[in-house]
Protein backbone atom coordinates (compact mmCIF):
# COMPACT_ATOMS: atom_id res chain seq x y z
CA MET A 1 -62.27 -45.98 23.57
CA ALA A 2 -61.80 -42.42 24.97
CA PHE A 3 -60.29 -43.75 28.13
CA HIS A 4 -57.65 -45.64 26.14
CA LEU A 5 -57.09 -42.38 24.33
CA ILE A 6 -56.43 -40.51 27.60
CA PHE A 7 -54.21 -43.04 29.00
CA LEU A 8 -51.99 -43.19 25.73
CA LEU A 9 -51.75 -39.23 26.07
CA ILE A 10 -50.80 -39.38 29.80
CA LEU A 11 -48.36 -42.19 29.11
CA ILE A 12 -46.76 -40.25 26.20
CA ARG A 13 -46.25 -37.36 28.42
CA LEU A 14 -44.98 -39.31 31.44
CA THR A 15 -42.53 -41.19 29.52
CA GLY A 16 -41.26 -38.07 27.53
CA ILE A 17 -42.17 -39.48 23.85
CA HIS A 18 -42.53 -36.49 21.40
CA SER A 19 -43.21 -36.36 17.84
CA VAL A 20 -40.47 -33.73 17.54
CA THR A 21 -37.17 -34.20 19.56
CA THR A 22 -34.51 -31.55 19.81
CA VAL A 23 -31.98 -30.11 22.27
CA SER A 24 -33.56 -28.40 25.57
CA GLN A 25 -30.80 -26.00 26.50
CA VAL A 26 -27.75 -24.47 24.43
CA SER A 27 -24.86 -22.31 25.52
CA VAL A 28 -23.76 -20.01 22.72
CA LYS A 29 -21.67 -16.90 22.33
CA VAL A 30 -22.94 -13.36 21.04
CA GLY A 31 -22.16 -12.96 17.50
CA GLU A 32 -21.59 -16.51 16.63
CA SER A 33 -24.30 -18.83 14.84
CA ILE A 34 -25.50 -22.42 16.07
CA THR A 35 -27.20 -25.18 14.10
CA ILE A 36 -30.06 -26.95 15.94
CA PRO A 37 -31.33 -30.60 14.54
CA CYS A 38 -34.93 -31.28 15.15
CA LEU A 39 -36.13 -34.97 14.86
CA TYR A 40 -39.45 -35.93 13.58
CA ASP A 41 -41.55 -39.14 13.22
CA SER A 42 -41.90 -40.73 9.75
CA GLN A 43 -45.47 -39.76 9.10
CA TYR A 44 -44.42 -36.19 9.03
CA LYS A 45 -41.80 -36.83 6.54
CA ASN A 46 -43.89 -34.79 3.86
CA GLN A 47 -45.05 -32.00 6.06
CA VAL A 48 -43.86 -28.34 6.15
CA LYS A 49 -41.42 -27.82 8.90
CA TYR A 50 -40.64 -24.51 10.39
CA LEU A 51 -38.76 -22.54 13.42
CA CYS A 52 -40.99 -20.26 15.40
CA LYS A 53 -39.38 -17.58 17.76
CA GLY A 54 -40.96 -16.59 21.36
CA TYR A 55 -41.46 -17.94 24.80
CA TYR A 56 -45.08 -18.69 24.51
CA TRP A 57 -46.37 -20.93 21.67
CA SER A 58 -49.37 -19.13 21.49
CA SER A 59 -47.59 -15.95 20.61
CA CYS A 60 -44.50 -17.18 18.95
CA SER A 61 -43.73 -15.84 15.19
CA TYR A 62 -42.47 -17.73 12.19
CA ALA A 63 -38.57 -17.22 11.69
CA VAL A 64 -38.36 -19.73 8.85
CA GLN A 65 -40.05 -22.46 7.06
CA THR A 66 -39.24 -25.17 4.48
CA ASN A 67 -41.93 -24.13 1.94
CA GLN A 68 -40.48 -20.90 1.37
CA PRO A 69 -37.66 -19.72 -0.80
CA GLN A 70 -34.77 -19.20 1.33
CA ASN A 71 -32.89 -16.00 1.33
CA PRO A 72 -29.56 -15.49 2.89
CA GLY A 73 -30.13 -13.97 6.17
CA LYS A 74 -30.29 -14.51 10.06
CA PHE A 75 -32.30 -17.85 9.52
CA SER A 76 -31.96 -20.76 7.49
CA ILE A 77 -33.57 -24.21 7.28
CA SER A 78 -33.16 -27.59 5.72
CA ASP A 79 -34.87 -30.79 5.75
CA ASP A 80 -33.24 -34.35 5.46
CA LYS A 81 -36.19 -36.53 4.90
CA ASN A 82 -34.00 -39.62 5.01
CA GLN A 83 -32.80 -39.15 8.36
CA ARG A 84 -36.19 -37.54 9.29
CA ILE A 85 -34.30 -34.52 10.83
CA PHE A 86 -34.83 -30.92 9.70
CA THR A 87 -31.98 -28.37 10.94
CA VAL A 88 -32.17 -24.75 11.68
CA THR A 89 -29.39 -22.33 11.78
CA ILE A 90 -29.32 -18.96 13.61
CA LYS A 91 -26.72 -16.62 12.71
CA ASP A 92 -25.17 -13.37 14.43
CA LEU A 93 -26.64 -14.17 17.93
CA THR A 94 -27.86 -11.48 20.07
CA ASP A 95 -29.26 -11.42 23.69
CA LYS A 96 -32.63 -11.53 22.08
CA ASP A 97 -32.10 -14.76 20.78
CA ALA A 98 -33.27 -16.98 23.71
CA ASP A 99 -36.74 -18.90 22.90
CA TYR A 100 -37.54 -21.08 20.13
CA TRP A 101 -39.60 -23.89 18.95
CA CYS A 102 -38.96 -26.65 16.28
CA ALA A 103 -42.34 -27.26 14.70
CA VAL A 104 -44.21 -29.26 12.12
CA GLU A 105 -47.29 -28.12 10.49
CA ILE A 106 -50.46 -30.49 10.53
CA ILE A 107 -53.22 -29.84 8.24
CA GLY A 108 -56.37 -29.97 10.11
CA GLY A 109 -54.96 -30.31 13.09
CA ALA A 110 -52.78 -28.61 15.93
CA ASP A 111 -49.03 -28.04 14.91
CA ILE A 112 -46.59 -30.40 16.67
CA ARG A 113 -43.66 -28.55 18.40
CA GLU A 114 -40.76 -28.76 20.92
CA TYR A 115 -39.17 -25.94 22.67
CA PHE A 116 -35.69 -25.21 23.19
CA HIS A 117 -33.53 -22.39 25.10
CA LEU A 118 -30.43 -20.57 23.83
CA SER A 119 -28.49 -19.13 26.62
CA VAL A 120 -26.58 -16.45 24.96
CA THR A 121 -23.42 -15.16 26.63
CA ARG A 122 -20.64 -12.33 25.92
CA GLY A 123 -17.86 -14.71 27.53
CA THR A 124 -16.98 -18.39 26.90
CA PRO A 125 -20.00 -20.59 26.62
CA SER A 126 -20.63 -22.96 29.47
CA LEU A 127 -20.49 -26.12 27.32
CA TYR A 128 -19.06 -25.91 23.63
CA VAL A 129 -16.99 -28.02 21.14
CA ASP A 130 -14.16 -26.94 18.43
CA TYR A 131 -16.42 -28.15 15.62
CA GLN A 132 -20.16 -28.54 15.29
CA LYS A 133 -19.80 -30.56 12.00
CA ILE A 134 -17.13 -33.35 12.01
CA THR A 135 -16.02 -35.87 9.21
CA GLY A 136 -14.81 -39.42 10.12
CA PHE A 137 -13.72 -42.57 7.90
CA LYS A 138 -15.50 -45.70 7.84
CA GLY A 139 -13.58 -48.58 9.99
CA GLU A 140 -11.66 -45.74 11.97
CA ASN A 141 -11.95 -43.75 15.21
CA ILE A 142 -12.79 -40.28 15.86
CA THR A 143 -12.39 -38.10 18.94
CA ILE A 144 -14.46 -35.20 19.90
CA SER A 145 -13.57 -32.92 22.84
CA CYS A 146 -16.59 -31.52 24.96
CA ASN A 147 -15.49 -28.44 26.91
CA TYR A 148 -17.60 -27.16 29.82
CA SER A 149 -17.43 -24.87 32.86
CA ASN A 150 -20.72 -26.03 34.53
CA SER A 151 -21.50 -28.90 36.71
CA GLY A 152 -23.60 -31.88 36.18
CA GLU A 153 -23.21 -35.39 34.65
CA GLY A 154 -21.57 -35.72 31.45
CA LYS A 155 -22.59 -38.18 28.78
CA TRP A 156 -22.64 -38.70 25.07
CA CYS A 157 -26.00 -39.05 23.22
CA ARG A 158 -27.34 -39.54 19.91
CA LEU A 159 -30.45 -37.50 19.11
CA GLY A 160 -33.57 -39.55 19.68
CA SER A 161 -31.43 -42.66 20.59
CA SER A 162 -29.65 -43.97 23.55
CA CYS A 163 -26.50 -42.49 25.92
CA VAL A 164 -23.31 -43.51 27.16
CA THR A 165 -22.76 -42.09 30.70
CA ASP A 166 -19.99 -44.63 31.96
CA GLN A 167 -16.43 -44.62 30.74
CA SER A 168 -17.33 -46.95 27.93
CA GLY A 169 -20.47 -48.33 26.08
CA SER A 170 -22.00 -48.60 22.64
CA ILE A 171 -24.54 -46.47 20.62
CA ASP A 172 -26.30 -48.34 17.76
CA GLY A 173 -23.43 -50.74 17.55
CA THR A 174 -20.75 -48.21 17.47
CA ARG A 175 -18.43 -48.43 20.68
CA VAL A 176 -18.14 -45.31 22.51
CA THR A 177 -15.17 -44.29 25.15
CA ILE A 178 -15.48 -41.28 27.47
CA ASN A 179 -12.29 -40.02 29.17
CA ALA A 180 -12.80 -37.19 31.80
CA SER A 181 -9.10 -37.21 33.35
CA VAL A 182 -8.72 -33.59 31.83
CA HIS A 183 -10.06 -30.82 34.06
CA ASN A 184 -13.24 -29.30 32.45
CA VAL A 185 -12.93 -31.49 29.42
CA PHE A 186 -14.22 -34.86 28.40
CA THR A 187 -13.36 -36.42 25.30
CA VAL A 188 -15.63 -39.13 23.37
CA THR A 189 -14.10 -41.38 21.13
CA MET A 190 -16.17 -43.43 18.49
CA SER A 191 -14.43 -46.47 17.41
CA GLU A 192 -14.52 -48.55 14.20
CA LEU A 193 -16.95 -46.25 12.39
CA LYS A 194 -19.70 -47.52 10.01
CA THR A 195 -21.86 -45.64 7.48
CA GLU A 196 -24.91 -45.98 10.04
CA SER A 197 -22.84 -44.10 12.58
CA SER A 198 -23.65 -40.91 10.71
CA GLY A 199 -26.09 -38.63 12.39
CA TRP A 200 -26.59 -35.98 15.09
CA TYR A 201 -25.04 -36.52 18.65
CA LEU A 202 -25.23 -34.42 21.60
CA CYS A 203 -22.43 -33.48 24.23
CA VAL A 204 -24.34 -33.24 27.46
CA LYS A 205 -23.29 -31.73 30.67
CA GLY A 206 -25.99 -31.08 33.31
CA ASP A 207 -28.71 -29.07 31.75
CA LEU A 208 -26.91 -28.16 28.70
CA GLN A 209 -26.44 -29.82 25.30
CA MET A 210 -24.28 -29.03 22.43
CA PRO A 211 -25.57 -30.62 19.16
CA VAL A 212 -22.57 -32.21 16.91
CA HIS A 213 -23.09 -33.64 13.31
CA LEU A 214 -21.14 -36.81 12.45
CA THR A 215 -20.37 -37.89 8.84
CA VAL A 216 -18.86 -41.07 7.90
CA THR A 217 -17.08 -41.64 4.45
CA GLU A 218 -15.10 -44.25 2.92
CA GLN A 219 -11.35 -44.22 3.48
CA PRO A 220 -9.96 -42.39 0.08
CA THR A 221 -8.08 -44.99 -1.94
CA THR A 222 -4.54 -44.21 -3.21
CA ASN A 223 -1.95 -45.83 -5.37
CA GLN A 224 0.94 -44.36 -3.11
CA THR A 225 2.79 -46.74 -0.73
CA PRO A 226 1.44 -46.11 2.80
CA THR A 227 4.03 -44.39 5.17
CA THR A 228 4.14 -45.13 8.85
CA VAL A 229 4.67 -42.11 11.26
CA GLN A 230 4.39 -42.57 14.94
CA GLY A 231 2.38 -45.62 14.59
CA GLU A 232 -0.27 -44.00 12.46
CA ARG A 233 -0.70 -45.20 9.03
CA TYR A 234 -1.26 -42.99 6.25
CA SER A 235 -0.71 -42.38 2.54
CA ARG A 236 1.59 -39.52 1.15
CA PRO A 237 0.70 -38.65 -2.41
CA VAL A 238 3.01 -36.84 -4.45
CA ASP A 239 1.97 -33.03 -4.71
CA LEU A 240 3.13 -31.73 -8.14
CA LYS A 241 2.58 -28.23 -6.83
CA SER A 242 5.00 -28.78 -4.00
CA LEU A 243 7.70 -29.85 -6.53
CA ILE A 244 7.28 -27.17 -9.21
CA ILE A 245 7.33 -24.02 -6.90
CA PRO A 246 10.63 -24.81 -5.48
CA LEU A 247 12.21 -25.87 -8.59
CA SER A 248 11.09 -22.56 -10.34
CA VAL A 249 12.58 -20.61 -7.32
CA LEU A 250 15.84 -22.57 -7.77
CA ILE A 251 16.04 -21.74 -11.73
CA PHE A 252 15.11 -18.06 -10.95
CA ILE A 253 18.00 -18.11 -8.53
CA VAL A 254 20.66 -19.43 -10.94
CA ILE A 255 19.60 -17.18 -13.56
CA VAL A 256 19.94 -13.96 -11.56
CA THR A 257 23.52 -15.55 -10.13
CA LEU A 258 24.53 -15.96 -13.84
CA PHE A 259 23.46 -12.53 -14.87
CA ILE A 260 25.12 -10.82 -11.85
CA TRP A 261 28.42 -12.68 -12.53
CA PHE A 262 28.35 -11.68 -16.21
CA MET A 263 27.61 -8.08 -15.45
CA LEU A 264 30.74 -8.10 -12.77
CA LYS A 265 32.99 -9.82 -14.98
CA ARG A 266 32.11 -7.22 -18.11
CA HIS A 267 32.75 -4.29 -15.47
CA LYS A 268 35.99 -5.68 -14.55
CA GLN A 269 37.20 -5.92 -18.24
CA THR A 270 35.90 -2.36 -19.03
CA LYS A 271 37.55 -1.13 -16.00
CA ALA A 272 40.82 -2.59 -16.87
CA GLU A 273 40.82 -1.50 -20.42
CA SER A 274 40.05 2.06 -19.32
CA SER A 275 42.75 2.07 -16.96
CA ALA A 276 45.32 0.67 -19.39
CA THR A 277 44.52 3.54 -21.94
CA THR A 278 44.56 6.45 -19.17
CA THR A 279 47.36 5.34 -17.28
CA VAL A 280 49.91 4.85 -20.21
CA GLU A 281 51.24 8.20 -21.68
CA GLU A 282 54.12 8.45 -24.07
CA GLU A 283 56.86 10.99 -24.33
CA VAL A 284 58.52 12.06 -27.67
CA THR A 285 61.87 13.16 -27.81
CA TYR A 286 63.10 14.86 -31.16
CA SER A 287 66.81 15.17 -32.04
CA THR A 288 68.16 16.76 -35.24
CA VAL A 289 71.97 15.99 -36.45
CA LYS A 290 73.10 18.36 -38.97
CA HIS A 291 76.03 17.18 -41.24
CA MET A 292 78.32 19.76 -43.02
CA ARG A 293 80.01 18.16 -46.18
CA LYS A 294 83.05 20.20 -47.46
CA THR A 295 83.43 20.75 -51.10
CA SER A 296 86.45 21.18 -53.33
CA SER A 297 88.38 24.27 -54.00
CA LYS A 298 88.21 23.81 -57.80
CA ARG A 299 84.46 24.69 -57.62
CA SER A 300 84.73 27.50 -55.90
CA ASP A 301 82.26 29.20 -58.10
CA ALA A 302 79.60 26.98 -56.75
CA LYS A 303 78.00 26.52 -53.89
CA SER A 304 80.66 26.00 -51.26
CA ASP A 305 78.84 23.76 -48.88
CA GLU A 306 75.92 21.16 -48.79
CA ASP A 307 73.98 20.87 -45.62
CA MET A 308 72.51 17.43 -44.40
CA THR A 309 70.32 16.90 -41.69
CA TYR A 310 69.17 13.72 -39.85
CA SER A 311 66.11 13.75 -37.52
CA SER A 312 65.37 11.07 -35.03
CA VAL A 313 62.42 10.16 -32.80
CA VAL A 314 62.73 8.37 -29.47
CA PHE A 315 59.52 7.29 -27.70
CA ALA A 316 59.76 7.04 -23.76
CA GLU A 317 57.10 5.67 -21.52
CA GLN A 318 56.05 8.05 -18.75
CA GLN A 319 55.56 6.23 -15.55
CA ASN A 320 52.80 7.10 -13.12
CA GLY A 321 54.37 8.59 -9.85
């Protein structure tokens, strides 16, 4: 019985079978963050998971664990018991963030663990992707670009499952195509995605891996008529906000234009009236006509004469020089 147990342990070590599976080495940049997935066997579903920091297992220290309240800080951890994967996130990376262990607590026995190394650099990482978490639609395709500057074989793997190393292949029933025609970049295309395609994958180049999480969702439904642009079919829903804002701006411009026009018109009228009042002056000329009436000689004792005076007023418009 003891012989069979020893043989099984030797076989497990030789074949690389572990109770916890994770990456081995990841290239990261100072100041950024990284999320590392740790896959565990189903019998550890309800066990406590944790991240241990340090090169030697015997002297590593707890960084974060699932049975303690999570506080915003450098480390965080979450456990997806359906997928049997717990993930640890390390923020604000420094040169001291190098050696860690994904571990599962075993009551009454030795904890199981798996070591991984972070190669922290101040320049561009030797292997990186644009986004560590991506989303695709069921039945469609998705493409991931793996950027590298190191040497070695490039491949696309599912964490704890198979890998594609040639130009094409499949992982768990999903077709995978690899294109390495661009220098220092190989692109991975996963075709006809299924819900089961969701999970953690690895960009692999030489000794480095970069974990990528894929979430496959249902294609959103819409009542709009599909529009074809450059051979790709998509639906263009009506965005009310995109209509209201231009219409409001147009109304505002019309109001301002009408107000300016009204003020200019009123100003011209006022100026014209003022000009007519100030530029027209009138000149008045007075003349007097005196008429002498001669009296009869028989009435010499009376007043000899009666005077009559006429006045006239002539208005003359003065012209501006």
